Amino acid sequence: MPMRIGTEMPGLEEATTWFGGTQAHAEAEAKGHPTLVHFWSISCGTCKDNLPRIATWREELSEQGLRVIAIHMPRYESDTDIEAVQEAIATFNISEPCAVDNEHKLRYAFQNDQGYVPAYYLFDGDGKLRSFAAGERGVDLLKATLDRILAQTKEAVAS
């Protein structure tokens, strides 16, 4: 059963490895901020196609409060190669904290039972799930909700 809207963001303590930060860093950055958690895999062509858009959001929307956390979830045994994951992180400019989920524990914590990659979870500043999307058009499906959350965050800061 997929994660329901309003569900609190799961903890990230089950990652097998971290790049670009630690679990504590990622969770501290997310606290009080809208946060996009995206699952990707080095063997996923659609993931690779969408990573530049995630990077653009990370860069352009960070001043508005958006935080991004990547989770690499292997689809095949060959995807568990940590050096290959690290190379892909560099190649695709993944500068946000990136958890490696080689044991699929984060996959199940986020109730990604089908193992979707790419999969996108958008949480508001209170850490509650506001939108979920997966697949090729996943980022397109999130954009309207992301804009609303960022507008609400801006209004809350202004008042």
Foldseek 3Di string as FASTA:
>chain_A
DADDFFDFQFQDVQFPDKDLDDSVVLVVLLALAKEKEWEAFPVDPLLLVCLVVVVCCCVPCVVLGYAYEYEYEYPDPVRLPPVSVVVVCVVSVVNHMYTYNDVCPSCVSRPVVVPFPGKMFIAANNRTTHDIAGDNCGVVVCVVVVVVRSVVSVVVVVD
